[in-house]
Amino acid sequence: MLSIIIPAHNEEVQLKDCLNSLIIQKNRFQDFEVVVVDNSSSDRTSEVARSYKDRLAIKTVDEPRLGVSFARNTGAKEARGDFFVFLDADNIVSDTFLEEIFEKSKKYDAGTVQCLPIEKSLFGFIIFWILEGIKISIPRPFGKSFTAKKIFFEVGGYNTNMTIGTNVDYLSRVKKNLLLKNKSLCHISKPIYASLRRFEKKGYISTLILWLSAYLWPSNTAYPPIN
């Protein structure tokens, strides 16, 4: 079974589109659960998630410590699946996405996933395609991913002491773990669609510089075990 883990901080609006895209998956692939982690929200995020209980196998858990890494780790502890798929609340998936993940999981223990913008923005598409090129050509993984439950806990989950570059840090440890077992990461071209709102809020150039610095100079910050 796949566990879709979604950290959510004040995401009552965006979360609906994400969950609606997962409902569509049930027509082709039903062996999955959704774990929404309410990360110290002050809006109706939990209420929105619970309203989908008749349409999805969904669980809502609370994580009062603010931070996406805390939320992802808490979601992983609550998840029942053999594989974890990490989404953000503003993501939308294609109608065969989970089917693709499931097929890849038969051969691979972890993988990265292509990401494209939801909005019809030429500049946004160019940026995401550049990031996709970096992802598949440079041996330091980042971005959206799926991971076997066993691997997630072997590498210690997400680093809760980091604020940027958390995916790079996490997937680098996953890749190292797999290499020691003579295994490799796969890459899935069936895309996840993500909102450009972070770029629009902080500015495209500022956001790219921040991401690039986290990618080229990852933090060596120590992190505690999952608790």
C-alpha atoms as a PDB file:
ATOM      1  CA  MET A   1       0.000   0.000   0.000  1.00  0.00           C
ATOM      2  CA  LEU A   2       1.067   3.599  -0.667  1.00  0.00           C
ATOM      3  CA  SER A   3       0.794   6.325   1.970  1.00  0.00           C
ATOM      4  CA  ILE A   4       0.392   9.857   0.643  1.00  0.00           C
ATOM      5  CA  ILE A   5       1.787  12.215   3.291  1.00  0.00           C
ATOM      6  CA  ILE A   6       0.708  15.858   3.068  1.00  0.00           C
ATOM      7  CA  PRO A   7       2.003  18.461   5.546  1.00  0.00           C
ATOM      8  CA  ALA A   8      -0.401  21.389   5.726  1.00  0.00           C
ATOM      9  CA  HIS A   9      -0.077  24.749   7.485  1.00  0.00           C
ATOM     10  CA  ASN A  10      -3.140  26.961   6.887  1.00  0.00           C
ATOM     11  CA  GLU A  11      -4.015  25.198   3.633  1.00  0.00           C
ATOM     12  CA  GLU A  12      -7.814  24.981   3.750  1.00  0.00           C
ATOM     13  CA  VAL A  13      -8.114  26.397   0.211  1.00  0.00           C
ATOM     14  CA  GLN A  14      -5.227  24.662  -1.590  1.00  0.00           C
ATOM     15  CA  LEU A  15      -5.777  21.310   0.110  1.00  0.00           C
ATOM     16  CA  LYS A  16      -9.134  20.759  -1.601  1.00  0.00           C
ATOM     17  CA  ASP A  17      -7.633  20.670  -5.104  1.00  0.00           C
ATOM     18  CA  CYS A  18      -4.903  18.297  -3.941  1.00  0.00           C
ATOM     19  CA  LEU A  19      -7.374  15.872  -2.366  1.00  0.00           C
ATOM     20  CA  ASN A  20      -9.752  16.099  -5.323  1.00  0.00           C
ATOM     21  CA  SER A  21      -6.930  15.004  -7.631  1.00  0.00           C
ATOM     22  CA  LEU A  22      -6.325  12.000  -5.368  1.00  0.00           C
ATOM     23  CA  ILE A  23      -9.996  11.013  -5.487  1.00  0.00           C
ATOM     24  CA  ILE A  24      -9.626  10.582  -9.255  1.00  0.00           C
ATOM     25  CA  GLN A  25      -6.901   7.984  -8.622  1.00  0.00           C
ATOM     26  CA  LYS A  26      -9.476   5.616  -7.076  1.00  0.00           C
ATOM     27  CA  ASN A  27     -10.858   4.796 -10.521  1.00  0.00           C
ATOM     28  CA  ARG A  28      -7.562   3.119 -11.459  1.00  0.00           C
ATOM     29  CA  PHE A  29      -5.678   2.454  -8.224  1.00  0.00           C
ATOM     30  CA  GLN A  30      -7.285   2.034  -4.806  1.00  0.00           C
ATOM     31  CA  ASP A  31      -4.519   0.672  -2.588  1.00  0.00           C
ATOM     32  CA  PHE A  32      -3.508   3.929  -0.902  1.00  0.00           C
ATOM     33  CA  GLU A  33      -4.190   6.068   2.139  1.00  0.00           C
ATOM     34  CA  VAL A  34      -3.815   9.795   2.688  1.00  0.00           C
ATOM     35  CA  VAL A  35      -2.230  11.233   5.841  1.00  0.00           C
ATOM     36  CA  VAL A  36      -2.797  14.973   6.253  1.00  0.00           C
ATOM     37  CA  VAL A  37      -0.608  16.509   8.943  1.00  0.00           C
ATOM     38  CA  ASP A  38      -2.096  19.710  10.320  1.00  0.00           C
ATOM     39  CA  ASN A  39       1.057  21.662  11.099  1.00  0.00           C
ATOM     40  CA  SER A  40      -0.130  24.198  13.680  1.00  0.00           C
ATOM     41  CA  SER A  41      -2.854  25.671  11.443  1.00  0.00           C
ATOM     42  CA  SER A  42      -5.144  28.477  12.563  1.00  0.00           C
ATOM     43  CA  ASP A  43      -7.704  27.924   9.794  1.00  0.00           C
ATOM     44  CA  ARG A  44     -10.012  25.032   8.776  1.00  0.00           C
ATOM     45  CA  THR A  45      -7.289  22.756   7.385  1.00  0.00           C
ATOM     46  CA  SER A  46      -8.178  19.786   9.613  1.00  0.00           C
ATOM     47  CA  GLU A  47     -11.894  20.260   9.050  1.00  0.00           C
ATOM     48  CA  VAL A  48     -11.402  20.252   5.275  1.00  0.00           C
ATOM     49  CA  ALA A  49      -9.310  17.071   5.464  1.00  0.00           C
ATOM     50  CA  ARG A  50     -11.883  15.297   7.637  1.00  0.00           C
ATOM     51  CA  SER A  51     -14.658  16.225   5.197  1.00  0.00           C
ATOM     52  CA  TYR A  52     -13.083  13.817   2.671  1.00  0.00           C
ATOM     53  CA  LYS A  53     -13.419  10.725   4.870  1.00  0.00           C
ATOM     54  CA  ASP A  54     -16.316   9.379   2.812  1.00  0.00           C
ATOM     55  CA  ARG A  55     -14.325   9.725  -0.405  1.00  0.00           C
ATOM     56  CA  LEU A  56     -10.774   8.791   0.603  1.00  0.00           C
ATOM     57  CA  ALA A  57      -9.009   6.568   3.119  1.00  0.00           C
ATOM     58  CA  ILE A  58      -7.790   9.641   4.953  1.00  0.00           C
ATOM     59  CA  LYS A  59      -6.313  10.278   8.367  1.00  0.00           C
ATOM     60  CA  THR A  60      -5.703  13.682   9.966  1.00  0.00           C
ATOM     61  CA  VAL A  61      -2.989  14.075  12.581  1.00  0.00           C
ATOM     62  CA  ASP A  62      -1.697  17.131  14.434  1.00  0.00           C
ATOM     63  CA  GLU A  63       1.895  18.326  14.640  1.00  0.00           C
ATOM     64  CA  PRO A  64       2.144  21.466  16.818  1.00  0.00           C
ATOM     65  CA  ARG A  65       5.854  21.994  16.087  1.00  0.00           C
ATOM     66  CA  LEU A  66       5.877  24.302  13.086  1.00  0.00           C
ATOM     67  CA  GLY A  67       8.058  23.082  10.221  1.00  0.00           C
ATOM     68  CA  VAL A  68       7.552  20.884   7.189  1.00  0.00           C
ATOM     69  CA  SER A  69      10.174  18.355   8.348  1.00  0.00           C
ATOM     70  CA  PHE A  70       8.410  17.859  11.682  1.00  0.00           C
ATOM     71  CA  ALA A  71       5.144  17.380   9.802  1.00  0.00           C
ATOM     72  CA  ARG A  72       6.564  14.877   7.315  1.00  0.00           C
ATOM     73  CA  ASN A  73       8.203  12.818  10.042  1.00  0.00           C
ATOM     74  CA  THR A  74       4.987  12.774  12.085  1.00  0.00           C
ATOM     75  CA  GLY A  75       3.027  11.710   9.016  1.00  0.00           C
ATOM     76  CA  ALA A  76       5.489   8.900   8.361  1.00  0.00           C
ATOM     77  CA  LYS A  77       5.089   7.574  11.898  1.00  0.00           C
ATOM     78  CA  GLU A  78       1.310   7.475  11.448  1.00  0.00           C
ATOM     79  CA  ALA A  79       1.370   5.983   7.939  1.00  0.00           C
ATOM     80  CA  ARG A  80       0.555   2.303   7.346  1.00  0.00           C
ATOM     81  CA  GLY A  81       1.853   1.933   3.790  1.00  0.00           C
ATOM     82  CA  ASP A  82       4.976   0.147   2.621  1.00  0.00           C
ATOM     83  CA  PHE A  83       5.907   3.205   0.528  1.00  0.00           C
ATOM     84  CA  PHE A  84       5.628   6.911   1.331  1.00  0.00           C
ATOM     85  CA  VAL A  85       4.770   9.546  -1.284  1.00  0.00           C
ATOM     86  CA  PHE A  86       5.436  13.084  -0.064  1.00  0.00           C
ATOM     87  CA  LEU A  87       3.216  15.822  -1.487  1.00  0.00           C
ATOM     88  CA  ASP A  88       2.593  19.448  -0.573  1.00  0.00           C
ATOM     89  CA  ALA A  89      -0.911  20.749   0.009  1.00  0.00           C
ATOM     90  CA  ASP A  90      -0.773  22.821  -3.188  1.00  0.00           C
ATOM     91  CA  ASN A  91       0.148  19.853  -5.412  1.00  0.00           C
ATOM     92  CA  ILE A  92      -2.128  18.240  -7.986  1.00  0.00           C
ATOM     93  CA  VAL A  93      -1.370  14.812  -9.456  1.00  0.00           C
ATOM     94  CA  SER A  94      -2.260  13.352 -12.841  1.00  0.00           C
ATOM     95  CA  ASP A  95      -4.958  10.681 -12.984  1.00  0.00           C
ATOM     96  CA  THR A  96      -2.509   7.763 -13.324  1.00  0.00           C
ATOM     97  CA  PHE A  97       0.180   9.081 -10.974  1.00  0.00           C
ATOM     98  CA  LEU A  98      -0.212   6.543  -8.152  1.00  0.00           C
ATOM     99  CA  GLU A  99      -0.425   3.701 -10.619  1.00  0.00           C
ATOM    100  CA  GLU A 100       2.958   4.812 -11.968  1.00  0.00           C
ATOM    101  CA  ILE A 101       4.435   5.009  -8.457  1.00  0.00           C
ATOM    102  CA  PHE A 102       3.151   1.535  -7.645  1.00  0.00           C
ATOM    103  CA  GLU A 103       4.704   0.008 -10.777  1.00  0.00           C
ATOM    104  CA  LYS A 104       8.071   1.646 -10.048  1.00  0.00           C
ATOM    105  CA  SER A 105       7.956   0.485  -6.415  1.00  0.00           C
ATOM    106  CA  LYS A 106       8.056  -3.130  -7.617  1.00  0.00           C
ATOM    107  CA  LYS A 107      11.636  -2.560  -8.744  1.00  0.00           C
ATOM    108  CA  TYR A 108      12.890   0.515  -6.878  1.00  0.00           C
ATOM    109  CA  ASP A 109      12.922   1.459  -3.197  1.00  0.00           C
ATOM    110  CA  ALA A 110      12.907   5.209  -3.870  1.00  0.00           C
ATOM    111  CA  GLY A 111      12.661   7.733  -6.643  1.00  0.00           C
ATOM    112  CA  THR A 112      12.242  11.362  -7.614  1.00  0.00           C
ATOM    113  CA  VAL A 113       9.317  12.753  -9.588  1.00  0.00           C
ATOM    114  CA  GLN A 114       9.035  15.377 -12.298  1.00  0.00           C
ATOM    115  CA  CYS A 115       7.311  18.582 -11.203  1.00  0.00           C
ATOM    116  CA  LEU A 116       5.534  21.128 -13.434  1.00  0.00           C
ATOM    117  CA  PRO A 117       3.624  24.329 -12.613  1.00  0.00           C
ATOM    118  CA  ILE A 118      -0.141  24.327 -12.254  1.00  0.00           C
ATOM    119  CA  GLU A 119      -0.480  27.826 -13.656  1.00  0.00           C
ATOM    120  CA  LYS A 120      -0.189  28.521 -17.373  1.00  0.00           C
ATOM    121  CA  SER A 121       3.034  30.498 -17.134  1.00  0.00           C
ATOM    122  CA  LEU A 122       5.735  30.293 -19.795  1.00  0.00           C
ATOM    123  CA  PHE A 123       8.355  31.561 -17.365  1.00  0.00           C
ATOM    124  CA  GLY A 124       7.176  29.044 -14.781  1.00  0.00           C
ATOM    125  CA  PHE A 125       7.440  26.169 -17.263  1.00  0.00           C
ATOM    126  CA  ILE A 126      10.945  27.248 -18.289  1.00  0.00           C
ATOM    127  CA  ILE A 127      12.084  27.324 -14.658  1.00  0.00           C
ATOM    128  CA  PHE A 128      10.591  23.923 -13.875  1.00  0.00           C
ATOM    129  CA  TRP A 129      12.097  22.347 -17.005  1.00  0.00           C
ATOM    130  CA  ILE A 130      15.506  23.764 -16.064  1.00  0.00           C
ATOM    131  CA  LEU A 131      15.109  22.246 -12.598  1.00  0.00           C
ATOM    132  CA  GLU A 132      14.079  18.961 -14.213  1.00  0.00           C
ATOM    133  CA  GLY A 133      17.222  18.991 -16.356  1.00  0.00           C
ATOM    134  CA  ILE A 134      19.375  19.576 -13.280  1.00  0.00           C
ATOM    135  CA  LYS A 135      17.570  16.790 -11.446  1.00  0.00           C
ATOM    136  CA  ILE A 136      18.274  14.124 -14.070  1.00  0.00           C
ATOM    137  CA  SER A 137      21.773  15.236 -15.075  1.00  0.00           C
ATOM    138  CA  ILE A 138      23.479  16.033 -11.747  1.00  0.00           C
ATOM    139  CA  PRO A 139      23.880  13.209  -9.219  1.00  0.00           C
ATOM    140  CA  ARG A 140      22.402  15.092  -6.249  1.00  0.00           C
ATOM    141  CA  PRO A 141      18.652  14.346  -6.043  1.00  0.00           C
ATOM    142  CA  PHE A 142      15.989  16.799  -4.921  1.00  0.00           C
ATOM    143  CA  GLY A 143      12.298  17.580  -5.241  1.00  0.00           C
ATOM    144  CA  LYS A 144       9.192  15.425  -4.949  1.00  0.00           C
ATOM    145  CA  SER A 145       9.814  11.782  -4.135  1.00  0.00           C
ATOM    146  CA  PHE A 146       8.612   8.392  -2.977  1.00  0.00           C
ATOM    147  CA  THR A 147      10.491   6.155  -0.536  1.00  0.00           C
ATOM    148  CA  ALA A 148      10.086   2.694   0.939  1.00  0.00           C
ATOM    149  CA  LYS A 149       9.034   2.935   4.577  1.00  0.00           C
ATOM    150  CA  LYS A 150      12.049   0.865   5.646  1.00  0.00           C
ATOM    151  CA  ILE A 151      14.484   3.213   3.888  1.00  0.00           C
ATOM    152  CA  PHE A 152      12.826   6.312   5.345  1.00  0.00           C
ATOM    153  CA  PHE A 153      13.436   5.154   8.900  1.00  0.00           C
ATOM    154  CA  GLU A 154      16.897   3.758   8.143  1.00  0.00           C
ATOM    155  CA  VAL A 155      18.103   7.216   7.058  1.00  0.00           C
ATOM    156  CA  GLY A 156      16.380   8.989   9.955  1.00  0.00           C
ATOM    157  CA  GLY A 157      13.674  10.860   8.064  1.00  0.00           C
ATOM    158  CA  TYR A 158      13.808  14.598   7.458  1.00  0.00           C
ATOM    159  CA  ASN A 159      16.255  16.893   9.217  1.00  0.00           C
ATOM    160  CA  THR A 160      14.156  19.019  11.591  1.00  0.00           C
ATOM    161  CA  ASN A 161      17.051  21.442  12.194  1.00  0.00           C
ATOM    162  CA  MET A 162      17.055  22.612   8.568  1.00  0.00           C
ATOM    163  CA  THR A 163      14.749  25.243   7.051  1.00  0.00           C
ATOM    164  CA  ILE A 164      15.881  25.097   3.400  1.00  0.00           C
ATOM    165  CA  GLY A 165      17.378  22.282   1.364  1.00  0.00           C
ATOM    166  CA  THR A 166      15.503  19.623   3.339  1.00  0.00           C
ATOM    167  CA  ASN A 167      14.660  17.556   0.269  1.00  0.00           C
ATOM    168  CA  VAL A 168      18.254  17.655  -0.999  1.00  0.00           C
ATOM    169  CA  ASP A 169      19.523  16.574   2.406  1.00  0.00           C
ATOM    170  CA  TYR A 170      16.950  13.800   2.797  1.00  0.00           C
ATOM    171  CA  LEU A 171      17.283  12.362  -0.720  1.00  0.00           C
ATOM    172  CA  SER A 172      21.072  12.490  -0.574  1.00  0.00           C
ATOM    173  CA  ARG A 173      20.938  10.225   2.472  1.00  0.00           C
ATOM    174  CA  VAL A 174      18.408   7.970   0.741  1.00  0.00           C
ATOM    175  CA  LYS A 175      20.638   7.698  -2.321  1.00  0.00           C
ATOM    176  CA  LYS A 176      23.691   6.892  -0.175  1.00  0.00           C
ATOM    177  CA  ASN A 177      21.698   4.204   1.637  1.00  0.00           C
ATOM    178  CA  LEU A 178      20.671   2.621  -1.665  1.00  0.00           C
ATOM    179  CA  LEU A 179      24.177   2.740  -3.135  1.00  0.00           C
ATOM    180  CA  LEU A 180      25.486   0.779  -0.150  1.00  0.00           C
ATOM    181  CA  LYS A 181      22.968  -1.919  -1.158  1.00  0.00           C
ATOM    182  CA  ASN A 182      23.920  -1.741  -4.851  1.00  0.00           C
ATOM    183  CA  LYS A 183      20.557  -0.136  -5.621  1.00  0.00           C
ATOM    184  CA  SER A 184      19.622   3.117  -7.298  1.00  0.00           C
ATOM    185  CA  LEU A 185      17.017   5.851  -7.342  1.00  0.00           C
ATOM    186  CA  CYS A 186      14.576   5.942 -10.221  1.00  0.00           C
ATOM    187  CA  HIS A 187      12.976   8.997 -11.791  1.00  0.00           C
ATOM    188  CA  ILE A 188       9.304   9.248 -12.707  1.00  0.00           C
ATOM    189  CA  SER A 189       8.276  11.449 -15.617  1.00  0.00           C
ATOM    190  CA  LYS A 190       4.570  11.300 -14.752  1.00  0.00           C
ATOM    191  CA  PRO A 191       4.392  14.787 -13.207  1.00  0.00           C
ATOM    192  CA  ILE A 192       3.227  16.319  -9.998  1.00  0.00           C
ATOM    193  CA  TYR A 193       1.873  19.822 -10.561  1.00  0.00           C
ATOM    194  CA  ALA A 194       2.876  22.524  -8.095  1.00  0.00           C
ATOM    195  CA  SER A 195       1.683  26.075  -7.545  1.00  0.00           C
ATOM    196  CA  LEU A 196       3.953  28.998  -8.429  1.00  0.00           C
ATOM    197  CA  ARG A 197       2.686  30.895  -5.386  1.00  0.00           C
ATOM    198  CA  ARG A 198       6.029  30.689  -3.550  1.00  0.00           C
ATOM    199  CA  PHE A 199       7.807  32.225  -6.527  1.00  0.00           C
ATOM    200  CA  GLU A 200       5.150  34.929  -6.814  1.00  0.00           C
ATOM    201  CA  LYS A 201       5.261  35.709  -3.095  1.00  0.00           C
ATOM    202  CA  LYS A 202       9.037  35.935  -2.671  1.00  0.00           C
ATOM    203  CA  GLY A 203      10.032  36.750  -6.248  1.00  0.00           C
ATOM    204  CA  TYR A 204      11.337  34.357  -8.904  1.00  0.00           C
ATOM    205  CA  ILE A 205      14.972  35.440  -8.726  1.00  0.00           C
ATOM    206  CA  SER A 206      15.128  35.487  -4.912  1.00  0.00           C
ATOM    207  CA  THR A 207      13.499  32.041  -4.686  1.00  0.00           C
ATOM    208  CA  LEU A 208      15.814  30.536  -7.310  1.00  0.00           C
ATOM    209  CA  ILE A 209      18.905  31.947  -5.576  1.00  0.00           C
ATOM    210  CA  LEU A 210      17.703  30.499  -2.274  1.00  0.00           C
ATOM    211  CA  TRP A 211      17.043  27.069  -3.816  1.00  0.00           C
ATOM    212  CA  LEU A 212      20.320  27.085  -5.729  1.00  0.00           C
ATOM    213  CA  SER A 213      22.338  27.941  -2.623  1.00  0.00           C
ATOM    214  CA  ALA A 214      20.664  25.090  -0.724  1.00  0.00           C
ATOM    215  CA  TYR A 215      21.394  22.727  -3.595  1.00  0.00           C
ATOM    216  CA  LEU A 216      25.036  23.654  -4.213  1.00  0.00           C
ATOM    217  CA  TRP A 217      26.009  24.155  -0.577  1.00  0.00           C
ATOM    218  CA  PRO A 218      23.885  21.777   1.505  1.00  0.00           C
ATOM    219  CA  SER A 219      23.931  22.238   5.249  1.00  0.00           C
ATOM    220  CA  ASN A 220      25.863  19.818   7.428  1.00  0.00           C
ATOM    221  CA  THR A 221      23.572  20.604  10.356  1.00  0.00           C
ATOM    222  CA  ALA A 222      23.202  17.627  12.638  1.00  0.00           C
ATOM    223  CA  TYR A 223      19.694  16.354  13.148  1.00  0.00           C
ATOM    224  CA  PRO A 224      18.022  14.408  15.946  1.00  0.00           C
ATOM    225  CA  PRO A 225      16.452  10.994  15.403  1.00  0.00           C
ATOM    226  CA  ILE A 226      12.729  10.905  14.642  1.00  0.00           C
ATOM    227  CA  ASN A 227      10.710  11.305  17.803  1.00  0.00           C
END
